[in-house]
PDB file of all heavy atoms in Angstrom:
ATOM      1  N   THR A   1      78.021 133.226 152.471  1.00  0.00           N
ATOM      2  CA  THR A   1      79.270 133.989 152.500  1.00  0.00           C
ATOM      3  C   THR A   1      79.901 133.823 153.878  1.00  0.00           C
ATOM      4  O   THR A   1      79.238 133.429 154.847  1.00  0.00           O
ATOM      5  CB  THR A   1      79.015 135.489 152.256  1.00  0.00           C
ATOM      6  OG1 THR A   1      78.261 136.017 153.355  1.00  0.00           O
ATOM      7  CG2 THR A   1      78.278 135.709 150.943  1.00  0.00           C
ATOM      8  N   ALA A   2      81.182 134.110 153.971  1.00  0.00           N
ATOM      9  CA  ALA A   2      81.884 133.971 155.238  1.00  0.00           C
ATOM     10  C   ALA A   2      81.213 134.810 156.328  1.00  0.00           C
ATOM     11  O   ALA A   2      81.028 134.353 157.466  1.00  0.00           O
ATOM     12  CB  ALA A   2      83.348 134.377 155.069  1.00  0.00           C
ATOM     13  N   ARG A   3      80.846 136.026 155.988  1.00  0.00           N
ATOM     14  CA  ARG A   3      80.223 136.918 156.980  1.00  0.00           C
ATOM     15  C   ARG A   3      78.856 136.396 157.409  1.00  0.00           C
ATOM     16  O   ARG A   3      78.500 136.431 158.594  1.00  0.00           O
ATOM     17  CB  ARG A   3      80.103 138.329 156.410  1.00  0.00           C
ATOM     18  CG  ARG A   3      81.431 139.059 156.289  1.00  0.00           C
ATOM     19  CD  ARG A   3      81.255 140.487 155.777  1.00  0.00           C
ATOM     20  NE  ARG A   3      82.518 141.210 155.779  1.00  0.00           N
ATOM     21  CZ  ARG A   3      83.412 141.153 154.797  1.00  0.00           C
ATOM     22  NH1 ARG A   3      83.157 140.403 153.710  1.00  0.00           N
ATOM     23  NH2 ARG A   3      84.543 141.846 154.869  1.00  0.00           N
ATOM     24  N   ASP A   4      78.068 135.913 156.452  1.00  0.00           N
ATOM     25  CA  ASP A   4      76.741 135.380 156.797  1.00  0.00           C
ATOM     26  C   ASP A   4      76.867 134.143 157.682  1.00  0.00           C
ATOM     27  O   ASP A   4      76.077 133.938 158.608  1.00  0.00           O
ATOM     28  CB  ASP A   4      75.960 135.037 155.530  1.00  0.00           C
ATOM     29  CG  ASP A   4      75.441 136.286 154.816  1.00  0.00           C
ATOM     30  OD1 ASP A   4      75.463 137.376 155.438  1.00  0.00           O
ATOM     31  OD2 ASP A   4      75.030 136.166 153.641  1.00  0.00           O
ATOM     32  N   PHE A   5      77.855 133.309 157.381  1.00  0.00           N
ATOM     33  CA  PHE A   5      78.081 132.103 158.191  1.00  0.00           C
ATOM     34  C   PHE A   5      78.395 132.488 159.629  1.00  0.00           C
ATOM     35  O   PHE A   5      77.839 131.933 160.580  1.00  0.00           O
ATOM     36  CB  PHE A   5      79.224 131.284 157.592  1.00  0.00           C
ATOM     37  CG  PHE A   5      79.722 130.186 158.495  1.00  0.00           C
ATOM     38  CD1 PHE A   5      79.005 129.006 158.655  1.00  0.00           C
ATOM     39  CD2 PHE A   5      80.917 130.333 159.194  1.00  0.00           C
ATOM     40  CE1 PHE A   5      79.461 127.997 159.493  1.00  0.00           C
ATOM     41  CE2 PHE A   5      81.386 129.334 160.032  1.00  0.00           C
ATOM     42  CZ  PHE A   5      80.652 128.156 160.178  1.00  0.00           C
ATOM     43  N   LEU A   6      79.272 133.451 159.790  1.00  0.00           N
ATOM     44  CA  LEU A   6      79.664 133.878 161.126  1.00  0.00           C
ATOM     45  C   LEU A   6      78.475 134.475 161.880  1.00  0.00           C
ATOM     46  O   LEU A   6      78.254 134.173 163.061  1.00  0.00           O
ATOM     47  CB  LEU A   6      80.803 134.895 161.035  1.00  0.00           C
ATOM     48  CG  LEU A   6      81.382 135.373 162.373  1.00  0.00           C
ATOM     49  CD1 LEU A   6      81.941 134.200 163.161  1.00  0.00           C
ATOM     50  CD2 LEU A   6      82.461 136.425 162.136  1.00  0.00           C
ATOM     51  N   MET A   7      77.697 135.324 161.218  1.00  0.00           N
ATOM     52  CA  MET A   7      76.529 135.921 161.849  1.00  0.00           C
ATOM     53  C   MET A   7      75.525 134.835 162.254  1.00  0.00           C
ATOM     54  O   MET A   7      74.915 134.905 163.331  1.00  0.00           O
ATOM     55  CB  MET A   7      75.859 136.919 160.900  1.00  0.00           C
ATOM     56  CG  MET A   7      76.664 138.186 160.656  1.00  0.00           C
ATOM     57  SD  MET A   7      76.802 139.203 162.142  1.00  0.00           S
ATOM     58  CE  MET A   7      75.098 139.699 162.360  1.00  0.00           C
ATOM     59  N   LYS A   8      75.388 133.846 161.408  1.00  0.00           N
ATOM     60  CA  LYS A   8      74.434 132.756 161.666  1.00  0.00           C
ATOM     61  C   LYS A   8      74.788 132.016 162.946  1.00  0.00           C
ATOM     62  O   LYS A   8      73.937 131.819 163.819  1.00  0.00           O
ATOM     63  CB  LYS A   8      74.442 131.791 160.478  1.00  0.00           C
ATOM     64  CG  LYS A   8      73.450 130.646 160.583  1.00  0.00           C
ATOM     65  CD  LYS A   8      72.061 131.092 160.225  1.00  0.00           C
ATOM     66  CE  LYS A   8      71.093 129.933 160.150  1.00  0.00           C
ATOM     67  NZ  LYS A   8      69.705 130.368 159.917  1.00  0.00           N
ATOM     68  N   ILE A   9      76.043 131.595 163.074  1.00  0.00           N
ATOM     69  CA  ILE A   9      76.402 130.804 164.260  1.00  0.00           C
ATOM     70  C   ILE A   9      76.409 131.673 165.516  1.00  0.00           C
ATOM     71  O   ILE A   9      76.028 131.199 166.597  1.00  0.00           O
ATOM     72  CB  ILE A   9      77.753 130.074 164.071  1.00  0.00           C
ATOM     73  CG1 ILE A   9      78.916 131.054 163.934  1.00  0.00           C
ATOM     74  CG2 ILE A   9      77.693 129.120 162.897  1.00  0.00           C
ATOM     75  CD1 ILE A   9      80.278 130.375 163.992  1.00  0.00           C
ATOM     76  N   CYS A  10      76.825 132.918 165.386  1.00  0.00           N
ATOM     77  CA  CYS A  10      76.871 133.793 166.562  1.00  0.00           C
ATOM     78  C   CYS A  10      75.468 134.071 167.095  1.00  0.00           C
ATOM     79  O   CYS A  10      75.231 134.026 168.310  1.00  0.00           O
ATOM     80  CB  CYS A  10      77.582 135.099 166.236  1.00  0.00           C
ATOM     81  SG  CYS A  10      79.368 134.926 166.057  1.00  0.00           S
ATOM     82  N   ASN A  11      74.542 134.358 166.190  1.00  0.00           N
ATOM     83  CA  ASN A  11      73.179 134.697 166.602  1.00  0.00           C
ATOM     84  C   ASN A  11      72.407 133.488 167.119  1.00  0.00           C
ATOM     85  O   ASN A  11      71.691 133.568 168.118  1.00  0.00           O
ATOM     86  CB  ASN A  11      72.417 135.345 165.441  1.00  0.00           C
ATOM     87  CG  ASN A  11      72.937 136.726 165.099  1.00  0.00           C
ATOM     88  OD1 ASN A  11      73.545 137.398 165.931  1.00  0.00           O
ATOM     89  ND2 ASN A  11      72.723 137.158 163.866  1.00  0.00           N
ATOM     90  N   GLU A  12      72.540 132.352 166.436  1.00  0.00           N
ATOM     91  CA  GLU A  12      71.721 131.197 166.798  1.00  0.00           C
ATOM     92  C   GLU A  12      72.295 130.388 167.951  1.00  0.00           C
ATOM     93  O   GLU A  12      71.546 129.708 168.666  1.00  0.00           O
ATOM     94  CB  GLU A  12      71.508 130.305 165.572  1.00  0.00           C
ATOM     95  CG  GLU A  12      70.676 130.961 164.487  1.00  0.00           C
ATOM     96  CD  GLU A  12      70.086 129.975 163.509  1.00  0.00           C
ATOM     97  OE1 GLU A  12      70.048 128.761 163.820  1.00  0.00           O
ATOM     98  OE2 GLU A  12      69.658 130.426 162.431  1.00  0.00           O
ATOM     99  N   LEU A  13      73.606 130.437 168.131  1.00  0.00           N
ATOM    100  CA  LEU A  13      74.219 129.631 169.186  1.00  0.00           C
ATOM    101  C   LEU A  13      74.659 130.448 170.394  1.00  0.00           C
ATOM    102  O   LEU A  13      75.099 129.890 171.389  1.00  0.00           O
ATOM    103  CB  LEU A  13      75.428 128.862 168.621  1.00  0.00           C
ATOM    104  CG  LEU A  13      75.151 127.921 167.438  1.00  0.00           C
ATOM    105  CD1 LEU A  13      76.448 127.262 166.977  1.00  0.00           C
ATOM    106  CD2 LEU A  13      74.116 126.877 167.821  1.00  0.00           C
ATOM    107  N   GLY A  14      74.554 131.751 170.304  1.00  0.00           N
ATOM    108  CA  GLY A  14      74.979 132.590 171.424  1.00  0.00           C
ATOM    109  C   GLY A  14      76.492 132.547 171.621  1.00  0.00           C
ATOM    110  O   GLY A  14      76.991 132.458 172.747  1.00  0.00           O
ATOM    111  N   VAL A  15      77.229 132.642 170.515  1.00  0.00           N
ATOM    112  CA  VAL A  15      78.694 132.545 170.558  1.00  0.00           C
ATOM    113  C   VAL A  15      79.296 133.825 171.145  1.00  0.00           C
ATOM    114  O   VAL A  15      79.005 134.931 170.686  1.00  0.00           O
ATOM    115  CB  VAL A  15      79.262 132.294 169.144  1.00  0.00           C
ATOM    116  CG1 VAL A  15      80.790 132.340 169.165  1.00  0.00           C
ATOM    117  CG2 VAL A  15      78.782 130.946 168.617  1.00  0.00           C
ATOM    118  N   ARG A  16      80.141 133.656 172.145  1.00  0.00           N
ATOM    119  CA  ARG A  16      80.851 134.781 172.755  1.00  0.00           C
ATOM    120  C   ARG A  16      82.353 134.731 172.459  1.00  0.00           C
ATOM    121  O   ARG A  16      83.057 135.727 172.603  1.00  0.00           O
ATOM    122  CB  ARG A  16      80.642 134.764 174.272  1.00  0.00           C
ATOM    123  CG  ARG A  16      79.190 134.871 174.698  1.00  0.00           C
ATOM    124  CD  ARG A  16      78.637 136.256 174.433  1.00  0.00           C
ATOM    125  NE  ARG A  16      77.230 136.356 174.827  1.00  0.00           N
ATOM    126  CZ  ARG A  16      76.205 136.169 173.995  1.00  0.00           C
ATOM    127  NH1 ARG A  16      76.431 135.901 172.712  1.00  0.00           N
ATOM    128  NH2 ARG A  16      74.961 136.257 174.421  1.00  0.00           N
ATOM    129  N   ALA A  17      82.812 133.567 172.045  1.00  0.00           N
ATOM    130  CA  ALA A  17      84.232 133.407 171.712  1.00  0.00           C
ATOM    131  C   ALA A  17      84.372 132.266 170.710  1.00  0.00           C
ATOM    132  O   ALA A  17      83.519 131.366 170.650  1.00  0.00           O
ATOM    133  CB  ALA A  17      85.066 133.131 172.969  1.00  0.00           C
ATOM    134  N   ILE A  18      85.460 132.314 169.928  1.00  0.00           N
ATOM    135  CA  ILE A  18      85.714 131.318 168.891  1.00  0.00           C
ATOM    136  C   ILE A  18      87.156 130.829 168.999  1.00  0.00           C
ATOM    137  O   ILE A  18      88.071 131.608 169.254  1.00  0.00           O
ATOM    138  CB  ILE A  18      85.471 131.912 167.480  1.00  0.00           C
ATOM    139  CG1 ILE A  18      83.980 132.200 167.271  1.00  0.00           C
ATOM    140  CG2 ILE A  18      86.002 130.986 166.385  1.00  0.00           C
ATOM    141  CD1 ILE A  18      83.680 132.943 165.973  1.00  0.00           C
ATOM    142  N   SER A  19      87.340 129.537 168.800  1.00  0.00           N
ATOM    143  CA  SER A  19      88.676 128.946 168.704  1.00  0.00           C
ATOM    144  C   SER A  19      88.780 128.248 167.353  1.00  0.00           C
ATOM    145  O   SER A  19      87.868 127.525 166.939  1.00  0.00           O
ATOM    146  CB  SER A  19      88.888 127.931 169.834  1.00  0.00           C
ATOM    147  OG  SER A  19      90.140 127.288 169.707  1.00  0.00           O
ATOM    148  N   CYS A  20      89.884 128.500 166.648  1.00  0.00           N
ATOM    149  CA  CYS A  20      90.080 127.864 165.339  1.00  0.00           C
ATOM    150  C   CYS A  20      91.567 127.678 165.089  1.00  0.00           C
ATOM    151  O   CYS A  20      92.411 128.154 165.856  1.00  0.00           O
ATOM    152  CB  CYS A  20      89.442 128.686 164.216  1.00  0.00           C
ATOM    153  SG  CYS A  20      90.280 130.253 163.886  1.00  0.00           S
ATOM    154  N   GLY A  21      91.901 126.998 164.012  1.00  0.00           N
ATOM    155  CA  GLY A  21      93.296 126.777 163.653  1.00  0.00           C
ATOM    156  C   GLY A  21      93.837 127.906 162.796  1.00  0.00           C
ATOM    157  O   GLY A  21      93.076 128.703 162.218  1.00  0.00           O
ATOM    158  N   TYR A  22      95.160 127.950 162.681  1.00  0.00           N
ATOM    159  CA  TYR A  22      95.838 129.020 161.936  1.00  0.00           C
ATOM    160  C   TYR A  22      95.427 129.051 160.465  1.00  0.00           C
ATOM    161  O   TYR A  22      95.463 130.098 159.805  1.00  0.00           O
ATOM    162  CB  TYR A  22      97.357 128.841 162.040  1.00  0.00           C
ATOM    163  CG  TYR A  22      97.879 127.667 161.233  1.00  0.00           C
ATOM    164  CD1 TYR A  22      98.457 127.856 159.987  1.00  0.00           C
ATOM    165  CD2 TYR A  22      97.746 126.365 161.710  1.00  0.00           C
ATOM    166  CE1 TYR A  22      98.899 126.779 159.233  1.00  0.00           C
ATOM    167  CE2 TYR A  22      98.192 125.288 160.972  1.00  0.00           C
ATOM    168  CZ  TYR A  22      98.764 125.489 159.734  1.00  0.00           C
ATOM    169  OH  TYR A  22      99.195 124.421 158.991  1.00  0.00           O
ATOM    170  N   ASN A  23      95.028 127.905 159.914  1.00  0.00           N
ATOM    171  CA  ASN A  23      94.700 127.816 158.489  1.00  0.00           C
ATOM    172  C   ASN A  23      93.201 127.611 158.258  1.00  0.00           C
ATOM    173  O   ASN A  23      92.798 127.104 157.205  1.00  0.00           O
ATOM    174  CB  ASN A  23      95.493 126.694 157.828  1.00  0.00           C
ATOM    175  CG  ASN A  23      95.209 125.331 158.469  1.00  0.00           C
ATOM    176  OD1 ASN A  23      94.593 125.260 159.545  1.00  0.00           O
ATOM    177  ND2 ASN A  23      95.661 124.269 157.838  1.00  0.00           N
ATOM    178  N   TYR A  24      92.392 127.995 159.200  1.00  0.00           N
ATOM    179  CA  TYR A  24      90.947 127.793 159.090  1.00  0.00           C
ATOM    180  C   TYR A  24      90.367 128.606 157.929  1.00  0.00           C
ATOM    181  O   TYR A  24      90.676 129.786 157.765  1.00  0.00           O
ATOM    182  CB  TYR A  24      90.262 128.198 160.395  1.00  0.00           C
ATOM    183  CG  TYR A  24      88.760 128.040 160.366  1.00  0.00           C
ATOM    184  CD1 TYR A  24      88.176 126.783 160.216  1.00  0.00           C
ATOM    185  CD2 TYR A  24      87.925 129.153 160.478  1.00  0.00           C
ATOM    186  CE1 TYR A  24      86.804 126.634 160.185  1.00  0.00           C
ATOM    187  CE2 TYR A  24      86.543 129.006 160.454  1.00  0.00           C
ATOM    188  CZ  TYR A  24      85.995 127.750 160.297  1.00  0.00           C
ATOM    189  OH  TYR A  24      84.638 127.603 160.265  1.00  0.00           O
ATOM    190  N   ARG A  25      89.548 127.949 157.121  1.00  0.00           N
ATOM    191  CA  ARG A  25      88.857 128.606 156.009  1.00  0.00           C
ATOM    192  C   ARG A  25      87.363 128.336 156.155  1.00  0.00           C
ATOM    193  O   ARG A  25      86.952 127.261 156.604  1.00  0.00           O
ATOM    194  CB  ARG A  25      89.323 128.043 154.655  1.00  0.00           C
ATOM    195  CG  ARG A  25      90.826 127.996 154.441  1.00  0.00           C
ATOM    196  CD  ARG A  25      91.452 129.347 154.240  1.00  0.00           C
ATOM    197  NE  ARG A  25      90.923 130.058 153.082  1.00  0.00           N
ATOM    198  CZ  ARG A  25      91.527 131.106 152.518  1.00  0.00           C
ATOM    199  NH1 ARG A  25      92.678 131.571 153.024  1.00  0.00           N
ATOM    200  NH2 ARG A  25      91.011 131.712 151.490  1.00  0.00           N
ATOM    201  N   PHE A  26      86.546 129.295 155.741  1.00  0.00           N
ATOM    202  CA  PHE A  26      85.107 129.121 155.906  1.00  0.00           C
ATOM    203  C   PHE A  26      84.365 129.982 154.899  1.00  0.00           C
ATOM    204  O   PHE A  26      84.934 130.877 154.256  1.00  0.00           O
ATOM    205  CB  PHE A  26      84.685 129.480 157.339  1.00  0.00           C
ATOM    206  CG  PHE A  26      84.881 130.924 157.705  1.00  0.00           C
ATOM    207  CD1 PHE A  26      83.800 131.780 157.820  1.00  0.00           C
ATOM    208  CD2 PHE A  26      86.160 131.438 157.946  1.00  0.00           C
ATOM    209  CE1 PHE A  26      83.975 133.117 158.167  1.00  0.00           C
ATOM    210  CE2 PHE A  26      86.343 132.778 158.304  1.00  0.00           C
ATOM    211  CZ  PHE A  26      85.243 133.615 158.413  1.00  0.00           C
ATOM    212  N   GLY A  27      83.073 129.694 154.767  1.00  0.00           N
ATOM    213  CA  GLY A  27      82.221 130.448 153.853  1.00  0.00           C
ATOM    214  C   GLY A  27      82.292 129.924 152.426  1.00  0.00           C
ATOM    215  O   GLY A  27      83.107 129.065 152.088  1.00  0.00           O
ATOM    216  N   LYS A  28      81.438 130.436 151.580  1.00  0.00           N
ATOM    217  CA  LYS A  28      81.360 130.010 150.187  1.00  0.00           C
ATOM    218  C   LYS A  28      82.711 130.147 149.500  1.00  0.00           C
ATOM    219  O   LYS A  28      83.362 131.182 149.575  1.00  0.00           O
ATOM    220  CB  LYS A  28      80.313 130.842 149.449  1.00  0.00           C
ATOM    221  CG  LYS A  28      80.069 130.393 148.014  1.00  0.00           C
ATOM    222  CD  LYS A  28      78.946 131.184 147.368  1.00  0.00           C
ATOM    223  CE  LYS A  28      78.693 130.686 145.948  1.00  0.00           C
ATOM    224  NZ  LYS A  28      77.585 131.438 145.298  1.00  0.00           N
ATOM    225  N   GLY A  29      83.119 129.061 148.837  1.00  0.00           N
ATOM    226  CA  GLY A  29      84.403 129.057 148.154  1.00  0.00           C
ATOM    227  C   GLY A  29      85.591 129.102 149.090  1.00  0.00           C
ATOM    228  O   GLY A  29      86.709 129.340 148.661  1.00  0.00           O
ATOM    229  N   ALA A  30      85.341 128.870 150.400  1.00  0.00           N
ATOM    230  CA  ALA A  30      86.410 128.925 151.418  1.00  0.00           C
ATOM    231  C   ALA A  30      87.162 130.255 151.349  1.00  0.00           C
ATOM    232  O   ALA A  30      88.379 130.312 151.517  1.00  0.00           O
ATOM    233  CB  ALA A  30      87.372 127.745 151.245  1.00  0.00           C
ATOM    234  N   LEU A  31      86.419 131.335 151.090  1.00  0.00           N
ATOM    235  CA  LEU A  31      87.045 132.652 150.941  1.00  0.00           C
ATOM    236  C   LEU A  31      87.364 133.301 152.287  1.00  0.00           C
ATOM    237  O   LEU A  31      88.172 134.230 152.349  1.00  0.00           O
ATOM    238  CB  LEU A  31      86.127 133.566 150.127  1.00  0.00           C
ATOM    239  CG  LEU A  31      85.900 133.148 148.662  1.00  0.00           C
ATOM    240  CD1 LEU A  31      84.930 134.102 147.980  1.00  0.00           C
ATOM    241  CD2 LEU A  31      87.223 133.099 147.896  1.00  0.00           C
ATOM    242  N   GLY A  32      86.720 132.841 153.351  1.00  0.00           N
ATOM    243  CA  GLY A  32      86.997 133.398 154.667  1.00  0.00           C
ATOM    244  C   GLY A  32      88.242 132.788 155.275  1.00  0.00           C
ATOM    245  O   GLY A  32      88.463 131.591 155.180  1.00  0.00           O
ATOM    246  N   ASN A  33      89.090 133.615 155.886  1.00  0.00           N
ATOM    247  CA  ASN A  33      90.286 133.120 156.572  1.00  0.00           C
ATOM    248  C   ASN A  33      90.362 133.742 157.962  1.00  0.00           C
ATOM    249  O   ASN A  33      89.447 134.450 158.390  1.00  0.00           O
ATOM    250  CB  ASN A  33      91.542 133.418 155.749  1.00  0.00           C
ATOM    251  CG  ASN A  33      91.697 134.909 155.453  1.00  0.00           C
ATOM    252  OD1 ASN A  33      91.102 135.757 156.120  1.00  0.00           O
ATOM    253  ND2 ASN A  33      92.491 135.228 154.454  1.00  0.00           N
ATOM    254  N   THR A  34      91.448 133.500 158.667  1.00  0.00           N
ATOM    255  CA  THR A  34      91.537 134.002 160.040  1.00  0.00           C
ATOM    256  C   THR A  34      91.615 135.530 160.089  1.00  0.00           C
ATOM    257  O   THR A  34      91.185 136.129 161.073  1.00  0.00           O
ATOM    258  CB  THR A  34      92.751 133.391 160.760  1.00  0.00           C
ATOM    259  OG1 THR A  34      93.932 133.606 159.977  1.00  0.00           O
ATOM    260  CG2 THR A  34      92.558 131.898 160.988  1.00  0.00           C
ATOM    261  N   ASP A  35      92.155 136.160 159.058  1.00  0.00           N
ATOM    262  CA  ASP A  35      92.197 137.631 159.035  1.00  0.00           C
ATOM    263  C   ASP A  35      90.781 138.204 158.983  1.00  0.00           C
ATOM    264  O   ASP A  35      90.440 139.134 159.731  1.00  0.00           O
ATOM    265  CB  ASP A  35      93.005 138.126 157.837  1.00  0.00           C
ATOM    266  CG  ASP A  35      94.495 137.843 157.976  1.00  0.00           C
ATOM    267  OD1 ASP A  35      94.961 137.735 159.132  1.00  0.00           O
ATOM    268  OD2 ASP A  35      95.176 137.724 156.946  1.00  0.00           O
ATOM    269  N   LEU A  36      89.967 137.661 158.086  1.00  0.00           N
ATOM    270  CA  LEU A  36      88.577 138.107 157.989  1.00  0.00           C
ATOM    271  C   LEU A  36      87.823 137.763 159.273  1.00  0.00           C
ATOM    272  O   LEU A  36      87.029 138.576 159.771  1.00  0.00           O
ATOM    273  CB  LEU A  36      87.899 137.453 156.785  1.00  0.00           C
ATOM    274  CG  LEU A  36      86.400 137.759 156.619  1.00  0.00           C
ATOM    275  CD1 LEU A  36      86.164 139.248 156.422  1.00  0.00           C
ATOM    276  CD2 LEU A  36      85.805 136.964 155.464  1.00  0.00           C
ATOM    277  N   LEU A  37      88.088 136.586 159.803  1.00  0.00           N
ATOM    278  CA  LEU A  37      87.416 136.165 161.030  1.00  0.00           C
ATOM    279  C   LEU A  37      87.740 137.119 162.182  1.00  0.00           C
ATOM    280  O   LEU A  37      86.852 137.531 162.938  1.00  0.00           O
ATOM    281  CB  LEU A  37      87.845 134.740 161.386  1.00  0.00           C
ATOM    282  CG  LEU A  37      87.138 134.078 162.573  1.00  0.00           C
ATOM    283  CD1 LEU A  37      85.631 134.050 162.375  1.00  0.00           C
ATOM    284  CD2 LEU A  37      87.678 132.666 162.784  1.00  0.00           C
ATOM    285  N   ARG A  38      88.994 137.514 162.290  1.00  0.00           N
ATOM    286  CA  ARG A  38      89.398 138.435 163.352  1.00  0.00           C
ATOM    287  C   ARG A  38      88.695 139.801 163.181  1.00  0.00           C
ATOM    288  O   ARG A  38      88.217 140.405 164.150  1.00  0.00           O
ATOM    289  CB  ARG A  38      90.917 138.611 163.335  1.00  0.00           C
ATOM    290  CG  ARG A  38      91.449 139.513 164.445  1.00  0.00           C
ATOM    291  CD  ARG A  38      92.952 139.502 164.502  1.00  0.00           C
ATOM    292  NE  ARG A  38      93.472 138.239 165.045  1.00  0.00           N
ATOM    293  CZ  ARG A  38      94.031 137.278 164.319  1.00  0.00           C
ATOM    294  NH1 ARG A  38      94.156 137.429 163.012  1.00  0.00           N
ATOM    295  NH2 ARG A  38      94.456 136.178 164.891  1.00  0.00           N
ATOM    296  N   GLU A  39      88.638 140.262 161.939  1.00  0.00           N
ATOM    297  CA  GLU A  39      88.000 141.551 161.648  1.00  0.00           C
ATOM    298  C   GLU A  39      86.519 141.537 162.016  1.00  0.00           C
ATOM    299  O   GLU A  39      86.009 142.471 162.649  1.00  0.00           O
ATOM    300  CB  GLU A  39      88.167 141.846 160.149  1.00  0.00           C
ATOM    301  CG  GLU A  39      87.527 143.121 159.671  1.00  0.00           C
ATOM    302  CD  GLU A  39      87.668 143.279 158.152  1.00  0.00           C
ATOM    303  OE1 GLU A  39      88.740 142.927 157.610  1.00  0.00           O
ATOM    304  OE2 GLU A  39      86.689 143.741 157.531  1.00  0.00           O
TER     305      GLU A  39
END
C-alpha cells in the first residue's frame, strides 16, 4: 500500500525529506498521490 511503501523507505533508508514530481503516484494500484504523500 502507499502508506506501507512510505514507511518502508523512511525506516530503512533514514529518510528525512522527499522530493517528487507534481504527478507522482506510488503504492499498490498507484493509489498514492502527492496529497496522500504530504499527509
